[in-house]
Amino acid sequence: MTSALLIIDVQTILCEGRWAVHEAGAVVQRINAVSARARAAGLPVVVVQHEETEGPMLYDAPGWQLAPALQVSRSEEHTSELQ
C-alpha cells in the first residue's frame, strides 16, 4: 500500500478574516509539523486548493492563495478542485 499526505483547502480565505476556521494558526502549525514528518519519511505530499468560478475563491484571487504560514515545497504536487 502506498501512503501520501493530502493537504486540502489550506487557503488564505479560510485562515484569515471573517471566514477563518477556528484556531486557524494552530491548525496550520499542526499541518506543518505533520507534513515535515511526511517529507522526512519520504512520503509524497499533495496540496489541493479549492477553486470556484467566481468570488473570493476564484483562481489566483488573494483568498485562493495558500495560507501564508503553510510550509510547502514547489516540488510537491499541487492540484485544484473546481466547485
Protein backbone atom coordinates (compact mmCIF):
# COMPACT_ATOMS: atom_id res chain seq x y z
CA MET A 1 0.00 0.00 0.00
CA THR A 2 1.29 3.47 -0.92
CA SER A 3 0.80 6.33 1.51
CA ALA A 4 0.71 10.07 0.90
CA LEU A 5 -0.22 13.19 2.82
CA LEU A 6 -3.03 15.30 1.36
CA ILE A 7 -3.23 18.94 2.41
CA ILE A 8 -6.66 20.18 1.38
CA ASP A 9 -8.06 23.74 1.23
CA VAL A 10 -5.50 25.44 3.49
CA GLN A 11 -6.02 28.75 1.76
CA THR A 12 -5.86 32.37 2.84
CA ILE A 13 -9.64 32.94 2.85
CA LEU A 14 -10.12 30.04 5.28
CA CYS A 15 -7.24 31.05 7.56
CA GLU A 16 -7.67 34.82 7.86
CA GLY A 17 -10.57 37.21 8.27
CA ARG A 18 -14.26 36.50 8.69
CA TRP A 19 -14.21 33.02 7.08
CA ALA A 20 -11.25 31.78 9.10
CA VAL A 21 -11.68 28.40 10.72
CA HIS A 22 -11.43 28.11 14.50
CA GLU A 23 -7.80 28.35 15.64
CA ALA A 24 -6.53 28.55 12.05
CA GLY A 25 -2.98 29.41 13.14
CA ALA A 26 -2.73 26.35 15.37
CA VAL A 27 -4.21 24.15 12.65
CA VAL A 28 -1.62 25.34 10.13
CA GLN A 29 1.17 24.74 12.66
CA ARG A 30 -0.02 21.14 13.14
CA ILE A 31 -0.24 20.63 9.37
CA ASN A 32 3.31 21.97 9.02
CA ALA A 33 4.56 19.56 11.69
CA VAL A 34 2.85 16.55 10.10
CA SER A 35 3.98 17.47 6.60
CA ALA A 36 7.59 17.88 7.79
CA ARG A 37 7.46 14.35 9.21
CA ALA A 38 5.92 13.03 5.98
CA ARG A 39 8.66 14.64 3.87
CA ALA A 40 11.35 13.28 6.20
CA ALA A 41 9.87 9.80 5.79
CA GLY A 42 9.94 10.17 2.00
CA LEU A 43 6.16 10.27 1.61
CA PRO A 44 4.60 12.31 -1.18
CA VAL A 45 2.81 15.47 -0.10
CA VAL A 46 -0.07 16.65 -2.31
CA VAL A 47 -1.60 20.11 -1.93
CA VAL A 48 -5.21 20.60 -3.09
CA GLN A 49 -6.71 24.07 -3.46
CA HIS A 50 -10.45 24.74 -3.64
CA GLU A 51 -11.40 26.84 -6.65
CA GLU A 52 -14.64 28.49 -7.74
CA THR A 53 -15.69 30.22 -10.95
CA GLU A 54 -16.42 33.49 -9.14
CA GLY A 55 -15.98 35.12 -5.74
CA PRO A 56 -13.11 35.05 -3.25
CA MET A 57 -12.05 31.51 -4.21
CA LEU A 58 -11.56 32.39 -7.89
CA TYR A 59 -8.29 31.02 -9.27
CA ASP A 60 -5.37 33.30 -8.36
CA ALA A 61 -7.52 35.64 -6.21
CA PRO A 62 -5.98 36.69 -2.88
CA GLY A 63 -8.27 34.35 -0.91
CA TRP A 64 -7.47 31.42 -3.23
CA GLN A 65 -3.74 31.57 -2.39
CA LEU A 66 -2.30 29.10 0.08
CA ALA A 67 -2.21 30.34 3.66
CA PRO A 68 0.99 32.36 4.12
CA ALA A 69 2.10 30.27 7.12
CA LEU A 70 1.66 26.95 5.29
CA GLN A 71 5.02 25.39 4.53
CA VAL A 72 5.03 23.79 1.08
CA SER A 73 7.66 22.95 -1.48
CA ARG A 74 7.45 23.88 -5.14
CA SER A 75 8.42 20.30 -5.94
CA GLU A 76 5.25 18.96 -4.31
CA GLU A 77 2.22 18.11 -6.39
CA HIS A 78 -0.39 20.89 -6.48
CA THR A 79 -3.90 20.47 -7.84
CA SER A 80 -7.23 22.24 -7.58
CA GLU A 81 -10.80 21.16 -7.03
CA LEU A 82 -13.22 23.23 -9.08
CA GLN A 83 -16.59 23.77 -7.44
